[in-house]
Amino acid sequence: MSELFTLLSALERRNLKAHAHHLDPVVMIGNEGISKAVLKAIDLQLLAHELIKVRIFCEDRAERALMAQQICEQLQTHLVQHIGKLLVLFRPHAQKSKIDPTLPYSTANAAVLKPSPASVKPSGHIAKKLLAAGKTLSKRKSPPVKDPTDERRNPGQIAQEYRKAAQRASRRGARRAR
């Protein structure tokens, strides 16, 4: 099994481990072991992602190591890491590889792999109760702005509102000056 680690340099393995740190296992291998379906699932995930985690639900350590070796030999993958029941596997794409094992992992490199939240358009979500009633979500409307020169109010009310506004402004200024 040590020859599987020699295909990658120590630097490449370290960088790939950093890339795989935030990943969750995408394939689970049960007590039945490796089957054609499991190998096909691992192969599809490697085609899609290049770097994946696999969880093996087997209690025997030697058997898990043997399974890891079989997977790597049959699918021509690199075993990046084998800790407990988790395997990290890497197989670069032939034409365009998203992950360069020689480059260290950084958030700038991760931004290439994941779309930014700003680029993802929000979905047109409508609450179920509103949808059932045939209504849609509407934006909140702000209350209408009171015009101090409104003709419907008498001059005494307008003067009182101006005084209150001036007092509020002076209180705000006093708070800021502290």
N, C-alpha and C. Protein backbone atom coordinates (compact mmCIF):
# COMPACT_ATOMS: atom_id res chain seq x y z
N MET A 1 0.82 -1.20 0.00
CA MET A 1 0.00 0.00 0.00
C MET A 1 0.86 1.25 0.00
N SER A 2 2.10 1.15 0.42
CA SER A 2 2.96 2.33 0.46
C SER A 2 3.26 2.85 -0.94
N GLU A 3 3.22 1.97 -1.98
CA GLU A 3 3.49 2.44 -3.34
C GLU A 3 2.39 3.37 -3.83
N LEU A 4 1.20 3.30 -3.25
CA LEU A 4 0.13 4.21 -3.63
C LEU A 4 0.44 5.63 -3.16
N PHE A 5 1.13 5.75 -2.04
CA PHE A 5 1.49 7.06 -1.54
C PHE A 5 2.66 7.65 -2.31
N THR A 6 3.51 6.82 -2.90
CA THR A 6 4.69 7.33 -3.58
C THR A 6 4.36 7.99 -4.90
N LEU A 7 3.18 7.77 -5.45
CA LEU A 7 2.80 8.40 -6.70
C LEU A 7 2.62 9.91 -6.53
N LEU A 8 2.29 10.33 -5.36
CA LEU A 8 2.15 11.76 -5.05
C LEU A 8 3.31 12.18 -4.16
N SER A 9 3.82 13.37 -4.41
CA SER A 9 4.87 13.87 -3.53
C SER A 9 4.26 14.29 -2.20
N ALA A 10 5.09 14.51 -1.22
CA ALA A 10 4.60 14.92 0.10
C ALA A 10 3.89 16.27 0.01
N LEU A 11 4.41 17.17 -0.81
CA LEU A 11 3.80 18.49 -0.99
C LEU A 11 2.42 18.35 -1.63
N GLU A 12 2.32 17.51 -2.66
CA GLU A 12 1.03 17.32 -3.32
C GLU A 12 0.02 16.69 -2.38
N ARG A 13 0.45 15.70 -1.60
CA ARG A 13 -0.46 15.07 -0.64
C ARG A 13 -0.94 16.08 0.39
N ARG A 14 -0.03 16.92 0.88
CA ARG A 14 -0.41 17.93 1.88
C ARG A 14 -1.43 18.90 1.29
N ASN A 15 -1.19 19.35 0.06
CA ASN A 15 -2.13 20.29 -0.56
C ASN A 15 -3.48 19.64 -0.83
N LEU A 16 -3.47 18.38 -1.26
CA LEU A 16 -4.74 17.69 -1.51
C LEU A 16 -5.49 17.42 -0.21
N LYS A 17 -4.78 17.15 0.86
CA LYS A 17 -5.44 16.98 2.16
C LYS A 17 -6.13 18.27 2.57
N ALA A 18 -5.47 19.40 2.31
CA ALA A 18 -6.07 20.69 2.64
C ALA A 18 -7.32 20.93 1.79
N HIS A 19 -7.26 20.55 0.51
CA HIS A 19 -8.44 20.68 -0.36
C HIS A 19 -9.58 19.81 0.14
N ALA A 20 -9.27 18.63 0.65
CA ALA A 20 -10.30 17.66 1.04
C ALA A 20 -10.82 17.89 2.44
N HIS A 21 -10.21 18.79 3.20
CA HIS A 21 -10.59 18.96 4.60
C HIS A 21 -12.08 19.24 4.78
N HIS A 22 -12.64 20.11 3.98
CA HIS A 22 -14.04 20.52 4.16
C HIS A 22 -15.03 19.58 3.47
N LEU A 23 -14.55 18.58 2.76
CA LEU A 23 -15.45 17.68 2.03
C LEU A 23 -16.10 16.67 2.95
N ASP A 24 -17.28 16.24 2.58
CA ASP A 24 -17.98 15.15 3.26
C ASP A 24 -17.87 13.90 2.40
N PRO A 25 -17.96 12.72 3.00
CA PRO A 25 -17.91 11.49 2.21
C PRO A 25 -19.08 11.43 1.22
N VAL A 26 -18.77 11.10 -0.04
CA VAL A 26 -19.81 11.03 -1.06
C VAL A 26 -20.20 9.60 -1.40
N VAL A 27 -19.35 8.65 -1.03
CA VAL A 27 -19.64 7.23 -1.27
C VAL A 27 -19.43 6.48 0.04
N MET A 28 -20.37 5.62 0.37
CA MET A 28 -20.27 4.79 1.57
C MET A 28 -20.19 3.33 1.14
N ILE A 29 -19.22 2.63 1.70
CA ILE A 29 -19.06 1.20 1.41
C ILE A 29 -19.52 0.44 2.63
N GLY A 30 -20.50 -0.44 2.46
CA GLY A 30 -21.08 -1.19 3.57
C GLY A 30 -20.29 -2.44 3.90
N ASN A 31 -20.88 -3.28 4.71
CA ASN A 31 -20.23 -4.51 5.16
C ASN A 31 -20.04 -5.52 4.03
N GLU A 32 -20.80 -5.38 2.93
CA GLU A 32 -20.66 -6.31 1.82
C GLU A 32 -19.35 -6.10 1.06
N GLY A 33 -18.74 -4.96 1.23
CA GLY A 33 -17.46 -4.68 0.58
C GLY A 33 -17.63 -4.02 -0.77
N ILE A 34 -16.62 -4.20 -1.61
CA ILE A 34 -16.58 -3.53 -2.90
C ILE A 34 -17.34 -4.36 -3.93
N SER A 35 -18.27 -3.70 -4.61
CA SER A 35 -19.03 -4.34 -5.68
C SER A 35 -18.88 -3.49 -6.94
N LYS A 36 -19.43 -3.96 -8.04
CA LYS A 36 -19.36 -3.19 -9.28
C LYS A 36 -20.11 -1.87 -9.13
N ALA A 37 -21.22 -1.90 -8.42
CA ALA A 37 -22.01 -0.68 -8.22
C ALA A 37 -21.23 0.35 -7.40
N VAL A 38 -20.51 -0.11 -6.38
CA VAL A 38 -19.72 0.80 -5.56
C VAL A 38 -18.59 1.40 -6.39
N LEU A 39 -17.92 0.57 -7.17
CA LEU A 39 -16.83 1.07 -8.03
C LEU A 39 -17.36 2.07 -9.05
N LYS A 40 -18.55 1.80 -9.60
CA LYS A 40 -19.14 2.72 -10.57
C LYS A 40 -19.48 4.06 -9.90
N ALA A 41 -20.02 4.00 -8.67
CA ALA A 41 -20.35 5.23 -7.95
C ALA A 41 -19.09 6.04 -7.65
N ILE A 42 -18.03 5.37 -7.24
CA ILE A 42 -16.77 6.07 -6.96
C ILE A 42 -16.23 6.68 -8.25
N ASP A 43 -16.30 5.93 -9.35
CA ASP A 43 -15.81 6.42 -10.63
C ASP A 43 -16.58 7.66 -11.08
N LEU A 44 -17.91 7.63 -10.94
CA LEU A 44 -18.73 8.79 -11.33
C LEU A 44 -18.40 10.01 -10.47
N GLN A 45 -18.21 9.80 -9.18
CA GLN A 45 -17.88 10.92 -8.29
C GLN A 45 -16.50 11.48 -8.61
N LEU A 46 -15.56 10.61 -8.95
CA LEU A 46 -14.22 11.09 -9.33
C LEU A 46 -14.27 11.87 -10.64
N LEU A 47 -15.11 11.44 -11.57
CA LEU A 47 -15.27 12.20 -12.82
C LEU A 47 -15.85 13.58 -12.55
N ALA A 48 -16.76 13.64 -11.61
CA ALA A 48 -17.43 14.92 -11.31
C ALA A 48 -16.56 15.84 -10.46
N HIS A 49 -15.83 15.28 -9.49
CA HIS A 49 -15.18 16.12 -8.50
C HIS A 49 -13.66 16.02 -8.43
N GLU A 50 -13.07 14.99 -8.97
CA GLU A 50 -11.62 14.74 -8.93
C GLU A 50 -11.10 14.33 -7.55
N LEU A 51 -11.57 14.96 -6.51
CA LEU A 51 -11.11 14.70 -5.15
C LEU A 51 -12.33 14.37 -4.30
N ILE A 52 -12.37 13.17 -3.74
CA ILE A 52 -13.55 12.75 -2.97
C ILE A 52 -13.12 12.05 -1.69
N LYS A 53 -14.10 11.97 -0.78
CA LYS A 53 -13.93 11.17 0.43
C LYS A 53 -14.86 9.97 0.34
N VAL A 54 -14.35 8.82 0.81
CA VAL A 54 -15.12 7.58 0.83
C VAL A 54 -15.09 7.05 2.25
N ARG A 55 -16.24 6.64 2.76
CA ARG A 55 -16.31 6.05 4.10
C ARG A 55 -16.53 4.55 3.95
N ILE A 56 -15.72 3.78 4.68
CA ILE A 56 -15.81 2.32 4.65
C ILE A 56 -16.33 1.86 6.01
N PHE A 57 -17.51 1.22 6.01
CA PHE A 57 -18.09 0.70 7.25
C PHE A 57 -17.64 -0.74 7.45
N CYS A 58 -16.41 -0.90 7.85
CA CYS A 58 -15.85 -2.22 8.10
C CYS A 58 -14.99 -2.10 9.35
N GLU A 59 -15.10 -3.04 10.25
CA GLU A 59 -14.39 -2.95 11.54
C GLU A 59 -12.93 -3.37 11.45
N ASP A 60 -12.58 -4.22 10.50
CA ASP A 60 -11.23 -4.76 10.41
C ASP A 60 -10.31 -3.78 9.67
N ARG A 61 -9.24 -3.35 10.32
CA ARG A 61 -8.32 -2.37 9.76
C ARG A 61 -7.61 -2.91 8.52
N ALA A 62 -7.17 -4.15 8.57
CA ALA A 62 -6.46 -4.74 7.43
C ALA A 62 -7.38 -4.87 6.21
N GLU A 63 -8.63 -5.20 6.47
CA GLU A 63 -9.60 -5.31 5.37
C GLU A 63 -9.87 -3.95 4.73
N ARG A 64 -9.93 -2.90 5.55
CA ARG A 64 -10.11 -1.55 5.00
C ARG A 64 -8.93 -1.15 4.14
N ALA A 65 -7.72 -1.47 4.58
CA ALA A 65 -6.52 -1.16 3.79
C ALA A 65 -6.53 -1.92 2.47
N LEU A 66 -6.97 -3.16 2.51
CA LEU A 66 -7.06 -3.97 1.29
C LEU A 66 -8.09 -3.38 0.33
N MET A 67 -9.24 -2.94 0.87
CA MET A 67 -10.26 -2.31 0.03
C MET A 67 -9.72 -1.04 -0.62
N ALA A 68 -8.99 -0.24 0.13
CA ALA A 68 -8.42 0.99 -0.41
C ALA A 68 -7.47 0.67 -1.56
N GLN A 69 -6.66 -0.35 -1.38
CA GLN A 69 -5.72 -0.74 -2.42
C GLN A 69 -6.46 -1.23 -3.67
N GLN A 70 -7.52 -2.01 -3.49
CA GLN A 70 -8.30 -2.51 -4.63
C GLN A 70 -8.94 -1.36 -5.40
N ILE A 71 -9.50 -0.40 -4.67
CA ILE A 71 -10.14 0.75 -5.33
C ILE A 71 -9.11 1.51 -6.15
N CYS A 72 -7.95 1.77 -5.57
CA CYS A 72 -6.91 2.53 -6.26
C CYS A 72 -6.40 1.80 -7.50
N GLU A 73 -6.25 0.50 -7.41
CA GLU A 73 -5.76 -0.27 -8.56
C GLU A 73 -6.80 -0.36 -9.66
N GLN A 74 -8.05 -0.60 -9.31
CA GLN A 74 -9.08 -0.79 -10.33
C GLN A 74 -9.50 0.52 -10.99
N LEU A 75 -9.45 1.63 -10.27
CA LEU A 75 -9.90 2.91 -10.83
C LEU A 75 -8.75 3.86 -11.17
N GLN A 76 -7.51 3.42 -11.00
CA GLN A 76 -6.32 4.25 -11.26
C GLN A 76 -6.41 5.59 -10.54
N THR A 77 -6.63 5.54 -9.25
CA THR A 77 -6.70 6.75 -8.44
C THR A 77 -5.50 6.82 -7.51
N HIS A 78 -5.27 7.99 -6.97
CA HIS A 78 -4.23 8.19 -5.97
C HIS A 78 -4.89 8.18 -4.60
N LEU A 79 -4.33 7.44 -3.69
CA LEU A 79 -4.80 7.45 -2.31
C LEU A 79 -4.07 8.58 -1.60
N VAL A 80 -4.80 9.64 -1.29
CA VAL A 80 -4.21 10.81 -0.64
C VAL A 80 -4.07 10.56 0.85
N GLN A 81 -5.11 9.99 1.45
CA GLN A 81 -5.12 9.83 2.89
C GLN A 81 -6.02 8.66 3.27
N HIS A 82 -5.62 7.93 4.29
CA HIS A 82 -6.43 6.85 4.84
C HIS A 82 -6.36 6.97 6.35
N ILE A 83 -7.40 7.54 6.94
CA ILE A 83 -7.47 7.70 8.39
C ILE A 83 -8.73 6.99 8.87
N GLY A 84 -8.54 5.96 9.65
CA GLY A 84 -9.68 5.23 10.20
C GLY A 84 -10.53 4.65 9.10
N LYS A 85 -11.79 5.07 9.05
CA LYS A 85 -12.73 4.55 8.06
C LYS A 85 -12.89 5.48 6.86
N LEU A 86 -12.09 6.54 6.79
CA LEU A 86 -12.20 7.50 5.70
C LEU A 86 -11.02 7.38 4.74
N LEU A 87 -11.35 7.43 3.45
CA LEU A 87 -10.34 7.48 2.40
C LEU A 87 -10.50 8.78 1.65
N VAL A 88 -9.40 9.38 1.26
CA VAL A 88 -9.43 10.54 0.37
C VAL A 88 -8.77 10.08 -0.92
N LEU A 89 -9.53 10.15 -2.01
CA LEU A 89 -9.05 9.68 -3.31
C LEU A 89 -8.96 10.84 -4.28
N PHE A 90 -7.95 10.80 -5.16
CA PHE A 90 -7.74 11.87 -6.14
C PHE A 90 -7.43 11.25 -7.49
N ARG A 91 -8.15 11.72 -8.51
CA ARG A 91 -7.85 11.35 -9.89
C ARG A 91 -8.10 12.58 -10.75
N PRO A 92 -7.04 13.20 -11.28
CA PRO A 92 -7.22 14.42 -12.07
C PRO A 92 -7.87 14.10 -13.42
N HIS A 93 -8.61 15.09 -13.94
CA HIS A 93 -9.20 14.95 -15.27
C HIS A 93 -8.09 15.01 -16.31
N ALA A 94 -8.31 14.35 -17.42
CA ALA A 94 -7.29 14.33 -18.47
C ALA A 94 -7.19 15.68 -19.18
N GLN A 95 -8.33 16.30 -19.52
CA GLN A 95 -8.30 17.56 -20.27
C GLN A 95 -8.17 18.77 -19.34
N LYS A 96 -9.13 18.93 -18.47
CA LYS A 96 -9.15 20.13 -17.62
C LYS A 96 -9.29 19.71 -16.16
N SER A 97 -8.29 20.00 -15.40
CA SER A 97 -8.29 19.65 -13.99
C SER A 97 -8.63 20.88 -13.17
N LYS A 98 -9.59 20.74 -12.27
CA LYS A 98 -9.98 21.87 -11.41
C LYS A 98 -9.00 22.06 -10.27
N ILE A 99 -8.40 20.97 -9.83
CA ILE A 99 -7.53 21.01 -8.65
C ILE A 99 -6.09 20.77 -9.09
N ASP A 100 -5.21 21.70 -8.74
CA ASP A 100 -3.79 21.52 -9.01
C ASP A 100 -3.13 21.11 -7.70
N PRO A 101 -2.63 19.87 -7.62
CA PRO A 101 -2.06 19.41 -6.35
C PRO A 101 -0.78 20.12 -5.95
N THR A 102 -0.16 20.83 -6.89
CA THR A 102 1.08 21.53 -6.55
C THR A 102 0.81 22.87 -5.88
N LEU A 103 -0.41 23.39 -6.03
CA LEU A 103 -0.75 24.67 -5.41
C LEU A 103 -1.38 24.45 -4.05
N PRO A 104 -1.03 25.28 -3.07
CA PRO A 104 -1.65 25.14 -1.75
C PRO A 104 -3.11 25.57 -1.81
N TYR A 105 -3.90 25.02 -0.91
CA TYR A 105 -5.32 25.36 -0.84
C TYR A 105 -5.47 26.75 -0.26
N SER A 106 -6.29 27.55 -0.89
CA SER A 106 -6.62 28.87 -0.37
C SER A 106 -8.06 29.17 -0.76
N THR A 107 -8.61 30.20 -0.15
CA THR A 107 -9.99 30.56 -0.46
C THR A 107 -10.10 31.05 -1.90
N ALA A 108 -9.02 31.61 -2.45
CA ALA A 108 -9.06 32.05 -3.84
C ALA A 108 -9.19 30.85 -4.77
N ASN A 109 -8.48 29.76 -4.46
CA ASN A 109 -8.61 28.55 -5.26
C ASN A 109 -9.97 27.92 -5.07
N ALA A 110 -10.51 27.99 -3.87
CA ALA A 110 -11.82 27.40 -3.58
C ALA A 110 -12.92 28.16 -4.30
N ALA A 111 -12.73 29.47 -4.53
CA ALA A 111 -13.74 30.26 -5.21
C ALA A 111 -13.91 29.79 -6.65
N VAL A 112 -12.87 29.22 -7.23
CA VAL A 112 -12.97 28.69 -8.58
C VAL A 112 -13.87 27.47 -8.59
N LEU A 113 -13.82 26.67 -7.52
CA LEU A 113 -14.59 25.44 -7.46
C LEU A 113 -16.05 25.68 -7.14
N LYS A 114 -16.34 26.68 -6.30
CA LYS A 114 -17.71 26.92 -5.86
C LYS A 114 -18.20 28.25 -6.41
N PRO A 115 -19.45 28.33 -6.85
CA PRO A 115 -19.97 29.62 -7.27
C PRO A 115 -20.17 30.53 -6.06
N SER A 116 -19.91 31.81 -6.26
CA SER A 116 -20.09 32.74 -5.15
C SER A 116 -21.58 32.95 -4.91
N PRO A 117 -21.96 33.30 -3.67
CA PRO A 117 -23.38 33.50 -3.37
C PRO A 117 -23.99 34.62 -4.21
N ALA A 118 -23.19 35.61 -4.61
CA ALA A 118 -23.72 36.71 -5.40
C ALA A 118 -24.09 36.24 -6.81
N SER A 119 -23.38 35.21 -7.33
CA SER A 119 -23.67 34.76 -8.68
C SER A 119 -24.89 33.85 -8.74
N VAL A 120 -25.29 33.30 -7.61
CA VAL A 120 -26.46 32.43 -7.57
C VAL A 120 -27.70 33.31 -7.46
N LYS A 121 -28.60 33.16 -8.41
CA LYS A 121 -29.80 33.98 -8.42
C LYS A 121 -30.80 33.43 -7.41
N PRO A 122 -31.45 34.31 -6.64
CA PRO A 122 -32.43 33.83 -5.67
C PRO A 122 -33.65 33.25 -6.39
N SER A 123 -34.22 32.24 -5.81
CA SER A 123 -35.40 31.63 -6.41
C SER A 123 -36.63 32.46 -6.07
N GLY A 124 -37.63 32.36 -6.90
CA GLY A 124 -38.88 33.08 -6.66
C GLY A 124 -39.74 32.32 -5.66
N HIS A 125 -39.40 32.39 -4.40
CA HIS A 125 -40.11 31.64 -3.37
C HIS A 125 -41.38 32.38 -2.98
N ILE A 126 -42.47 31.66 -2.92
CA ILE A 126 -43.74 32.20 -2.46
C ILE A 126 -44.22 31.30 -1.34
N ALA A 127 -44.61 31.89 -0.24
CA ALA A 127 -45.08 31.11 0.90
C ALA A 127 -46.29 30.28 0.50
N LYS A 128 -46.41 29.08 1.08
CA LYS A 128 -47.47 28.15 0.70
C LYS A 128 -48.86 28.72 0.96
N LYS A 129 -49.02 29.40 2.10
CA LYS A 129 -50.34 29.94 2.44
C LYS A 129 -50.74 31.04 1.46
N LEU A 130 -49.76 31.88 1.09
CA LEU A 130 -50.06 32.94 0.12
C LEU A 130 -50.39 32.34 -1.24
N LEU A 131 -49.63 31.32 -1.61
CA LEU A 131 -49.86 30.69 -2.90
C LEU A 131 -51.24 30.05 -2.95
N ALA A 132 -51.65 29.42 -1.85
CA ALA A 132 -52.98 28.80 -1.78
C ALA A 132 -54.08 29.85 -1.89
N ALA A 133 -53.82 31.03 -1.34
CA ALA A 133 -54.82 32.10 -1.39
C ALA A 133 -54.77 32.85 -2.72
N GLY A 134 -53.79 32.51 -3.58
CA GLY A 134 -53.68 33.19 -4.87
C GLY A 134 -52.99 34.53 -4.77
N LYS A 135 -52.26 34.76 -3.69
CA LYS A 135 -51.57 36.03 -3.51
C LYS A 135 -50.08 35.83 -3.74
N THR A 136 -49.37 36.91 -3.90
CA THR A 136 -47.92 36.86 -4.04
C THR A 136 -47.29 37.73 -2.97
N LEU A 137 -46.01 37.51 -2.75
CA LEU A 137 -45.30 38.35 -1.79
C LEU A 137 -45.12 39.74 -2.38
N SER A 138 -45.39 40.74 -1.59
CA SER A 138 -45.17 42.10 -2.07
C SER A 138 -44.13 42.76 -1.18
N LYS A 139 -43.44 43.71 -1.75
CA LYS A 139 -42.43 44.42 -0.97
C LYS A 139 -43.13 45.32 0.04
N ARG A 140 -42.50 45.46 1.19
CA ARG A 140 -43.07 46.35 2.20
C ARG A 140 -43.02 47.78 1.71
N LYS A 141 -44.10 48.45 1.91
CA LYS A 141 -44.13 49.86 1.53
C LYS A 141 -43.86 50.69 2.77
N SER A 142 -43.03 51.69 2.60
CA SER A 142 -42.75 52.57 3.73
C SER A 142 -43.95 53.49 3.94
N PRO A 143 -44.16 53.93 5.17
CA PRO A 143 -45.30 54.82 5.41
C PRO A 143 -45.08 56.14 4.67
N PRO A 144 -46.16 56.77 4.28
CA PRO A 144 -46.01 58.03 3.55
C PRO A 144 -45.33 59.09 4.41
N VAL A 145 -44.49 59.87 3.78
CA VAL A 145 -43.75 60.92 4.49
C VAL A 145 -44.70 62.10 4.71
N LYS A 146 -44.71 62.58 5.95
CA LYS A 146 -45.57 63.71 6.28
C LYS A 146 -44.93 65.00 5.77
N ASP A 147 -45.69 65.74 5.05
CA ASP A 147 -45.21 67.03 4.55
C ASP A 147 -45.54 68.09 5.59
N PRO A 148 -44.52 68.81 6.11
CA PRO A 148 -44.80 69.80 7.15
C PRO A 148 -45.64 70.98 6.65
N THR A 149 -45.73 71.14 5.36
CA THR A 149 -46.52 72.26 4.83
C THR A 149 -47.89 71.80 4.34
N ASP A 150 -48.37 70.70 4.90
CA ASP A 150 -49.66 70.16 4.49
C ASP A 150 -50.76 71.16 4.87
N GLU A 151 -51.65 71.41 3.94
CA GLU A 151 -52.69 72.41 4.14
C GLU A 151 -53.77 71.93 5.09
N ARG A 152 -53.91 70.63 5.31
CA ARG A 152 -54.98 70.13 6.15
C ARG A 152 -54.72 70.39 7.62
N ARG A 153 -53.49 70.69 7.99
CA ARG A 153 -53.19 70.95 9.40
C ARG A 153 -53.14 72.46 9.63
N ASN A 154 -53.45 72.84 10.84
CA ASN A 154 -53.41 74.27 11.13
C ASN A 154 -51.97 74.69 11.42
N PRO A 155 -51.67 75.96 11.37
CA PRO A 155 -50.30 76.44 11.57
C PRO A 155 -49.74 76.09 12.95
N GLY A 156 -50.58 75.96 13.96
CA GLY A 156 -50.11 75.60 15.30
C GLY A 156 -49.53 74.18 15.31
N GLN A 157 -50.20 73.27 14.61
CA GLN A 157 -49.70 71.89 14.55
C GLN A 157 -48.37 71.82 13.80
N ILE A 158 -48.25 72.59 12.73
CA ILE A 158 -47.01 72.60 11.95
C ILE A 158 -45.86 73.13 12.79
N ALA A 159 -46.09 74.20 13.53
CA ALA A 159 -45.04 74.78 14.37
C ALA A 159 -44.63 73.79 15.46
N GLN A 160 -45.60 73.10 16.03
CA GLN A 160 -45.29 72.13 17.08
C GLN A 160 -44.43 70.99 16.51
N GLU A 161 -44.74 70.52 15.30
CA GLU A 161 -43.94 69.46 14.68
C GLU A 161 -42.52 69.93 14.38
N TYR A 162 -42.37 71.18 13.96
CA TYR A 162 -41.03 71.71 13.71
C TYR A 162 -40.22 71.76 15.00
N ARG A 163 -40.87 72.18 16.11
CA ARG A 163 -40.17 72.24 17.40
C ARG A 163 -39.72 70.85 17.84
N LYS A 164 -40.61 69.85 17.70
CA LYS A 164 -40.25 68.49 18.08
C LYS A 164 -39.09 67.96 17.24
N ALA A 165 -39.12 68.24 15.95
CA ALA A 165 -38.05 67.79 15.07
C ALA A 165 -36.73 68.45 15.45
N ALA A 166 -36.78 69.74 15.81
CA ALA A 166 -35.56 70.45 16.22
C ALA A 166 -35.02 69.88 17.53
N GLN A 167 -35.93 69.55 18.46
CA GLN A 167 -35.49 68.96 19.73
C GLN A 167 -34.84 67.59 19.50
N ARG A 168 -35.43 66.80 18.64
CA ARG A 168 -34.84 65.48 18.34
C ARG A 168 -33.47 65.65 17.72
N ALA A 169 -33.33 66.59 16.81
CA ALA A 169 -32.04 66.81 16.16
C ALA A 169 -31.00 67.29 17.16
N SER A 170 -31.41 68.17 18.09
CA SER A 170 -30.44 68.66 19.07
C SER A 170 -30.04 67.55 20.04
N ARG A 171 -30.98 66.67 20.37
CA ARG A 171 -30.64 65.52 21.23
C ARG A 171 -29.66 64.59 20.53
N ARG A 172 -29.88 64.37 19.26
CA ARG A 172 -28.96 63.51 18.50
C ARG A 172 -27.58 64.13 18.45
N GLY A 173 -27.53 65.43 18.24
CA GLY A 173 -26.24 66.11 18.19
C GLY A 173 -25.53 66.05 19.53
N ALA A 174 -26.29 66.17 20.62
CA ALA A 174 -25.69 66.11 21.95
C ALA A 174 -25.16 64.71 22.22
N ARG A 175 -25.87 63.70 21.75
CA ARG A 175 -25.40 62.32 21.95
C ARG A 175 -24.12 62.07 21.17
N ARG A 176 -24.04 62.61 19.98
CA ARG A 176 -22.85 62.41 19.16
C ARG A 176 -21.65 63.16 19.71
N ALA A 177 -21.90 64.27 20.35
CA ALA A 177 -20.81 65.09 20.88
C ALA A 177 -20.17 64.45 22.10
N ARG A 178 -20.90 63.60 22.80
CA ARG A 178 -20.37 62.97 24.02
C ARG A 178 -19.22 62.10 23.76
